[in-house]
C-alpha atoms as a PDB file:
ATOM      1  CA  MET A   1      -8.546  -7.826 -10.484  1.00  0.00           C
ATOM      2  CA  LYS A   2      -6.021  -7.236  -7.721  1.00  0.00           C
ATOM      3  CA  LYS A   3      -2.648  -8.928  -8.124  1.00  0.00           C
ATOM      4  CA  VAL A   4      -1.139 -10.234  -4.892  1.00  0.00           C
ATOM      5  CA  LEU A   5       2.462 -11.413  -4.595  1.00  0.00           C
ATOM      6  CA  LEU A   6       2.867 -14.340  -2.193  1.00  0.00           C
ATOM      7  CA  ASP A   7       6.178 -14.451  -0.370  1.00  0.00           C
ATOM      8  CA  THR A   8       7.965 -17.517   0.968  1.00  0.00           C
ATOM      9  CA  ASN A   9       6.810 -16.859   4.525  1.00  0.00           C
ATOM     10  CA  ILE A  10       3.111 -16.894   3.661  1.00  0.00           C
ATOM     11  CA  LEU A  11       3.490 -19.905   1.353  1.00  0.00           C
ATOM     12  CA  LEU A  12       4.952 -21.945   4.233  1.00  0.00           C
ATOM     13  CA  LEU A  13       1.865 -21.384   6.437  1.00  0.00           C
ATOM     14  CA  PRO A  14      -0.392 -24.049   4.883  1.00  0.00           C
ATOM     15  CA  GLY A  15       2.164 -26.721   5.797  1.00  0.00           C
ATOM     16  CA  ALA A  16       3.071 -25.238   9.163  1.00  0.00           C
ATOM     17  CA  GLN A  17      -0.340 -24.147  10.458  1.00  0.00           C
ATOM     18  CA  LYS A  18      -2.910 -25.791   8.156  1.00  0.00           C
ATOM     19  CA  ILE A  19      -4.219 -22.433   6.894  1.00  0.00           C
ATOM     20  CA  ASP A  20      -5.696 -22.158   3.389  1.00  0.00           C
ATOM     21  CA  ILE A  21      -4.085 -18.883   2.355  1.00  0.00           C
ATOM     22  CA  PHE A  22      -5.910 -18.873  -0.982  1.00  0.00           C
ATOM     23  CA  GLU A  23      -9.314 -19.168   0.687  1.00  0.00           C
ATOM     24  CA  GLU A  24      -8.368 -16.438   3.152  1.00  0.00           C
ATOM     25  CA  LEU A  25      -7.438 -14.115   0.278  1.00  0.00           C
ATOM     26  CA  ALA A  26     -10.680 -14.913  -1.539  1.00  0.00           C
ATOM     27  CA  THR A  27     -12.639 -14.069   1.615  1.00  0.00           C
ATOM     28  CA  LEU A  28     -10.855 -10.735   1.940  1.00  0.00           C
ATOM     29  CA  LEU A  29     -10.601  -9.681  -1.702  1.00  0.00           C
ATOM     30  CA  GLY A  30     -13.162 -11.642  -3.675  1.00  0.00           C
ATOM     31  CA  SER A  31     -11.369 -12.109  -6.961  1.00  0.00           C
ATOM     32  CA  TYR A  32      -7.595 -11.781  -7.112  1.00  0.00           C
ATOM     33  CA  GLU A  33      -4.601 -13.161  -8.977  1.00  0.00           C
ATOM     34  CA  ALA A  34      -1.950 -14.781  -6.797  1.00  0.00           C
ATOM     35  CA  ILE A  35       1.531 -14.386  -8.219  1.00  0.00           C
ATOM     36  CA  VAL A  36       4.769 -16.010  -7.119  1.00  0.00           C
ATOM     37  CA  PRO A  37       8.069 -14.697  -8.468  1.00  0.00           C
ATOM     38  CA  SER A  38      10.450 -17.356  -9.766  1.00  0.00           C
ATOM     39  CA  PHE A  39      13.000 -16.444  -7.071  1.00  0.00           C
ATOM     40  CA  VAL A  40      10.432 -17.306  -4.353  1.00  0.00           C
ATOM     41  CA  LYS A  41       9.825 -20.666  -6.029  1.00  0.00           C
ATOM     42  CA  SER A  42      13.601 -21.219  -6.085  1.00  0.00           C
ATOM     43  CA  GLU A  43      13.813 -20.424  -2.376  1.00  0.00           C
ATOM     44  CA  LEU A  44      11.052 -22.963  -1.675  1.00  0.00           C
ATOM     45  CA  ASN A  45      12.888 -25.573  -3.764  1.00  0.00           C
ATOM     46  CA  GLY A  46      15.999 -25.002  -1.655  1.00  0.00           C
ATOM     47  CA  LEU A  47      14.083 -25.322   1.605  1.00  0.00           C
ATOM     48  CA  ALA A  48      12.358 -28.498   0.382  1.00  0.00           C
ATOM     49  CA  GLN A  49      15.756 -30.164  -0.034  1.00  0.00           C
ATOM     50  CA  GLY A  50      16.378 -29.980   3.710  1.00  0.00           C
ATOM     51  CA  GLN A  51      15.049 -31.962   6.641  1.00  0.00           C
ATOM     52  CA  GLY A  52      12.374 -31.356   9.253  1.00  0.00           C
ATOM     53  CA  LYS A  53       9.252 -29.252   9.488  1.00  0.00           C
ATOM     54  CA  ALA A  54      10.497 -26.409   7.270  1.00  0.00           C
ATOM     55  CA  ALA A  55      11.274 -28.850   4.460  1.00  0.00           C
ATOM     56  CA  GLU A  56       7.852 -30.462   4.764  1.00  0.00           C
ATOM     57  CA  ALA A  57       6.133 -27.067   4.761  1.00  0.00           C
ATOM     58  CA  ALA A  58       8.150 -26.089   1.658  1.00  0.00           C
ATOM     59  CA  LYS A  59       7.075 -29.276  -0.130  1.00  0.00           C
ATOM     60  CA  ILE A  60       3.442 -28.499   0.643  1.00  0.00           C
ATOM     61  CA  ALA A  61       3.961 -24.912  -0.567  1.00  0.00           C
ATOM     62  CA  LEU A  62       5.430 -26.173  -3.844  1.00  0.00           C
ATOM     63  CA  SER A  63       2.438 -28.465  -4.330  1.00  0.00           C
ATOM     64  CA  LEU A  64       0.114 -25.446  -4.020  1.00  0.00           C
ATOM     65  CA  LEU A  65       1.846 -23.319  -6.642  1.00  0.00           C
ATOM     66  CA  ASN A  66      -0.570 -24.538  -9.309  1.00  0.00           C
ATOM     67  CA  ARG A  67      -3.050 -22.126  -7.665  1.00  0.00           C
ATOM     68  CA  ALA A  68      -0.807 -19.150  -8.491  1.00  0.00           C
ATOM     69  CA  THR A  69       0.850 -17.631 -11.537  1.00  0.00           C
ATOM     70  CA  ILE A  70       4.619 -18.067 -11.525  1.00  0.00           C
ATOM     71  CA  VAL A  71       6.262 -14.942 -12.928  1.00  0.00           C
ATOM     72  CA  GLU A  72       9.839 -14.852 -14.158  1.00  0.00           C
ATOM     73  CA  ALA A  73      11.696 -12.287 -12.103  1.00  0.00           C
ATOM     74  CA  GLU A  74      15.350 -11.507 -11.491  1.00  0.00           C
ATOM     75  CA  LYS A  75      16.633 -11.860  -7.964  1.00  0.00           C
ATOM     76  CA  SER A  76      18.458  -8.694  -7.008  1.00  0.00           C
ATOM     77  CA  GLY A  77      20.286  -9.186  -3.728  1.00  0.00           C
ATOM     78  CA  SER A  78      18.186 -10.840  -1.044  1.00  0.00           C
ATOM     79  CA  VAL A  79      14.758 -12.332  -1.689  1.00  0.00           C
ATOM     80  CA  ASP A  80      13.219  -9.573   0.452  1.00  0.00           C
ATOM     81  CA  ASN A  81      14.959  -6.858  -1.614  1.00  0.00           C
ATOM     82  CA  SER A  82      13.720  -8.537  -4.766  1.00  0.00           C
ATOM     83  CA  ILE A  83      10.145  -8.680  -3.439  1.00  0.00           C
ATOM     84  CA  VAL A  84      10.183  -4.957  -2.614  1.00  0.00           C
ATOM     85  CA  GLN A  85      11.598  -4.108  -6.057  1.00  0.00           C
ATOM     86  CA  TYR A  86       9.132  -6.348  -7.906  1.00  0.00           C
ATOM     87  CA  ALA A  87       6.106  -5.100  -5.953  1.00  0.00           C
ATOM     88  CA  LYS A  88       7.068  -1.485  -6.500  1.00  0.00           C
ATOM     89  CA  ALA A  89       7.783  -1.923 -10.214  1.00  0.00           C
ATOM     90  CA  HIS A  90       4.600  -3.903 -10.918  1.00  0.00           C
ATOM     91  CA  LYS A  91       2.309  -2.147  -8.405  1.00  0.00           C
ATOM     92  CA  VAL A  92       1.151  -5.341  -6.695  1.00  0.00           C
ATOM     93  CA  ALA A  93       0.147  -5.983  -3.088  1.00  0.00           C
ATOM     94  CA  VAL A  94       2.262  -8.402  -1.040  1.00  0.00           C
ATOM     95  CA  PHE A  95       0.845 -11.125   1.221  1.00  0.00           C
ATOM     96  CA  THR A  96       3.391 -11.820   3.973  1.00  0.00           C
ATOM     97  CA  ASN A  97       3.649 -12.421   7.693  1.00  0.00           C
ATOM     98  CA  ASP A  98       7.363 -11.548   7.737  1.00  0.00           C
ATOM     99  CA  HIS A  99       7.507  -8.600  10.154  1.00  0.00           C
ATOM    100  CA  ALA A 100      10.759  -7.126   8.817  1.00  0.00           C
ATOM    101  CA  LEU A 101       9.572  -7.354   5.203  1.00  0.00           C
ATOM    102  CA  LYS A 102       6.202  -5.843   6.164  1.00  0.00           C
ATOM    103  CA  LYS A 103       7.979  -2.805   7.642  1.00  0.00           C
ATOM    104  CA  ARG A 104      10.063  -2.366   4.484  1.00  0.00           C
ATOM    105  CA  LEU A 105       7.004  -2.661   2.249  1.00  0.00           C
ATOM    106  CA  ASP A 106       5.068  -0.155   4.382  1.00  0.00           C
ATOM    107  CA  ALA A 107       7.989   2.287   4.193  1.00  0.00           C
ATOM    108  CA  ALA A 108       8.035   1.916   0.387  1.00  0.00           C
ATOM    109  CA  GLY A 109       4.293   2.613   0.167  1.00  0.00           C
ATOM    110  CA  ILE A 110       3.447  -0.910  -1.005  1.00  0.00           C
ATOM    111  CA  GLU A 111       0.134  -2.447   0.069  1.00  0.00           C
ATOM    112  CA  VAL A 112       0.679  -5.312   2.526  1.00  0.00           C
ATOM    113  CA  ILE A 113      -1.750  -8.092   3.375  1.00  0.00           C
ATOM    114  CA  PHE A 114      -0.977 -10.176   6.460  1.00  0.00           C
ATOM    115  CA  LEU A 115      -2.606 -12.653   8.816  1.00  0.00           C
ATOM    116  CA  ARG A 116      -3.486 -11.324  12.223  1.00  0.00           C
ATOM    117  CA  ASN A 117      -2.058 -13.529  14.964  1.00  0.00           C
ATOM    118  CA  ALA A 118      -5.233 -13.893  16.976  1.00  0.00           C
ATOM    119  CA  THR A 119      -7.742 -14.474  14.202  1.00  0.00           C
ATOM    120  CA  LYS A 120      -5.623 -15.873  11.350  1.00  0.00           C
ATOM    121  CA  LYS A 121      -7.728 -13.737   9.032  1.00  0.00           C
ATOM    122  CA  PRO A 122      -6.023 -11.608   6.388  1.00  0.00           C
ATOM    123  CA  SER A 123      -5.905  -7.896   6.945  1.00  0.00           C
ATOM    124  CA  PHE A 124      -4.450  -4.778   5.330  1.00  0.00           C
END
């Protein structure tokens, strides 16, 4: 079963754009295990403490984490750096729509899954 790391950016989409990211992954991959590093959960907790649309999207993201496995992971520098390091060390794909992170993951040879802008369907 493919393991897929969900980053903060992709976890905010259900609240921001009403997209069921878990259903989209199931359509693309069939069976998979969604994983969320503890540092991503911490980032969502921080965002949820704020005001406005980002805070609301973060609260929705936190409510969806029961559909993923939370893995304890050390944050090393930025969250993006930590995602690259974790994905490389554990050989997992990353589901993100963060363009800068996608470029870094591609350069590191890590499989990236993203939503296409026009179709909102996941792609490799």
